[in-house]
Every structure is written in structure tokens, then in C-alpha cells.
């Protein structure tokens, strides 16, 4: 995320998460209202609404809890880097200076 979009998105991500959680709540209430007494006789709209409720609830929770830190880079453990593509292994030290020799890799 570049600086211009980060400045705009930073204060907007947590309220967007609240909005998505509110939408999930509204979709859940609509699902309860639509629900038929026999589960086998549910209209197809129920499946679409439940998909949207789950997606908006999940995204809303992630945005509300993490905010702009959702897009932060994280350091990947050395044991996973051994199987990762070379581009990922080279980019893991982008936030810090690279060490002289990565731990666990000794050359004779």
C-alpha cells in the first residue's frame, strides 16, 4: 500500500469492519425470517444470503480487529523459507537489514 492510499484507508478500515459486521447481522436476521420449518425445503436465496453473511462477518471481524495492520509484512520462519520460492526468500528481510548469514544455513 503506498502512502497516499494508506493515509486515506487507515482511518476508514475499522469503521468499514463495523459496517460489514452490521451487514452480517442484518443478513442473519433475514435468514431467520426466510427460514422454512423443514430444512429440505429452503429456497435457494437462503444459500446466497448465508454465503454473504459469512463473508461479510469474516471480513468485518478481520478489519475491525486488525485495521491497517492487516496489510503489514510479517517475517516468515526459516523452516518454511527452505521450501518457498527464491523470490520470497529474498524479500523476507525487506523491513530490516539482512543478517550476514541466515540462521540454520551454514556453509563450509
Protein backbone atom coordinates (compact mmCIF):
# COMPACT_ATOMS: atom_id res chain seq x y z
CA UNK A 1 0.00 0.00 0.00
CA UNK A 2 1.51 3.34 -0.98
CA UNK A 3 1.45 6.40 1.27
CA UNK A 4 -1.42 8.16 -0.47
CA UNK A 5 -3.86 5.27 -0.19
CA UNK A 6 -2.61 4.40 3.30
CA UNK A 7 -3.43 7.90 4.52
CA UNK A 8 -6.98 7.53 3.22
CA UNK A 9 -7.58 3.91 4.23
CA UNK A 10 -6.05 3.95 7.72
CA UNK A 11 -8.93 5.71 9.50
CA UNK A 12 -11.56 4.02 7.32
CA UNK A 13 -10.76 0.32 7.76
CA UNK A 14 -12.09 -0.20 11.30
CA UNK A 15 -15.42 1.60 10.61
CA UNK A 16 -15.69 -0.45 7.42
CA UNK A 17 -15.28 -3.57 9.58
CA UNK A 18 -18.12 -2.39 11.82
CA UNK A 19 -20.26 -1.76 8.75
CA UNK A 20 -19.57 -5.26 7.43
CA UNK A 21 -20.42 -6.79 10.81
CA UNK A 22 -23.68 -4.85 10.81
CA UNK A 23 -24.42 -6.17 7.33
CA UNK A 24 -23.73 -9.72 8.52
CA UNK A 25 -26.12 -9.20 11.42
CA UNK A 26 -28.82 -7.90 9.06
CA UNK A 27 -28.31 -10.83 6.71
CA UNK A 28 -28.57 -13.23 9.63
CA UNK A 29 -31.88 -11.70 10.69
CA UNK A 30 -33.12 -12.01 7.11
CA UNK A 31 -32.08 -15.67 7.09
CA UNK A 32 -34.06 -16.33 10.25
CA UNK A 33 -37.10 -14.64 8.74
CA UNK A 34 -36.88 -16.61 5.48
CA UNK A 35 -36.11 -19.99 7.05
CA UNK A 36 -38.64 -22.74 6.39
CA UNK A 37 -39.60 -25.20 9.14
CA UNK A 38 -38.34 -28.12 7.03
CA UNK A 39 -34.62 -27.78 6.20
CA UNK A 40 -35.00 -29.64 2.88
CA UNK A 41 -37.47 -27.01 1.63
CA UNK A 42 -35.21 -23.95 1.91
CA UNK A 43 -35.36 -21.53 -1.02
CA UNK A 44 -32.11 -21.06 -2.99
CA UNK A 45 -31.91 -17.47 -1.74
CA UNK A 46 -31.02 -18.82 1.71
CA UNK A 47 -27.72 -20.22 0.44
CA UNK A 48 -26.73 -16.95 -1.20
CA UNK A 49 -27.63 -14.95 1.91
CA UNK A 50 -25.71 -17.33 4.17
CA UNK A 51 -22.64 -17.05 1.92
CA UNK A 52 -22.83 -13.25 2.03
CA UNK A 53 -23.37 -13.26 5.81
CA UNK A 54 -20.33 -15.48 6.38
CA UNK A 55 -18.10 -13.47 4.03
CA UNK A 56 -19.09 -10.09 5.45
CA UNK A 57 -18.79 -11.36 9.02
CA UNK A 58 -15.31 -12.76 8.40
CA UNK A 59 -14.05 -9.68 6.57
CA UNK A 60 -15.65 -7.36 9.11
CA UNK A 61 -14.01 -9.15 12.03
CA UNK A 62 -10.60 -9.06 10.35
CA UNK A 63 -10.89 -5.36 9.53
CA UNK A 64 -12.21 -4.43 12.97
CA UNK A 65 -9.53 -6.33 14.89
CA UNK A 66 -6.51 -5.64 12.69
CA UNK A 67 -7.34 -2.34 10.99
CA UNK A 68 -4.49 -1.12 8.79
CA UNK A 69 -2.14 -3.70 10.34
CA UNK A 70 -3.94 -6.33 8.27
CA UNK A 71 -1.58 -5.47 5.41
CA UNK A 72 1.68 -5.44 7.39
CA UNK A 73 4.53 -7.61 6.25
CA UNK A 74 5.46 -10.43 8.59
CA UNK A 75 8.68 -12.33 8.91
CA UNK A 76 8.35 -15.97 7.84
CA UNK A 77 10.04 -18.69 9.85
CA UNK A 78 13.24 -20.15 8.45
CA UNK A 79 11.81 -23.66 8.28
CA UNK A 80 9.14 -22.51 5.81
CA UNK A 81 11.55 -20.46 3.71
CA UNK A 82 13.53 -23.59 2.75
CA UNK A 83 10.54 -24.73 0.67
CA UNK A 84 9.48 -21.29 -0.52
CA UNK A 85 10.28 -19.82 -3.93
CA UNK A 86 13.55 -17.84 -4.14
CA UNK A 87 11.75 -14.50 -4.54
CA UNK A 88 10.07 -14.97 -1.16
CA UNK A 89 13.33 -15.94 0.49
CA UNK A 90 14.97 -12.76 -0.83
CA UNK A 91 12.10 -10.49 0.20
CA UNK A 92 11.73 -11.64 3.81
CA UNK A 93 14.21 -9.08 5.15
CA UNK A 94 12.70 -6.05 3.43
CA UNK A 95 11.82 -4.21 6.66
CA UNK A 96 15.20 -4.82 8.35
CA UNK A 97 18.77 -5.10 7.23
CA UNK A 98 19.57 -8.65 6.16
CA UNK A 99 21.77 -10.63 8.56
CA UNK A 100 25.26 -11.62 7.50
CA UNK A 101 24.20 -15.26 7.28
CA UNK A 102 20.66 -16.61 7.74
CA UNK A 103 20.36 -18.82 10.83
CA UNK A 104 20.39 -22.53 10.20
CA UNK A 105 22.30 -22.32 6.93
CA UNK A 106 25.96 -22.91 7.44
CA UNK A 107 28.39 -23.22 4.60
CA UNK A 108 31.76 -24.88 4.93
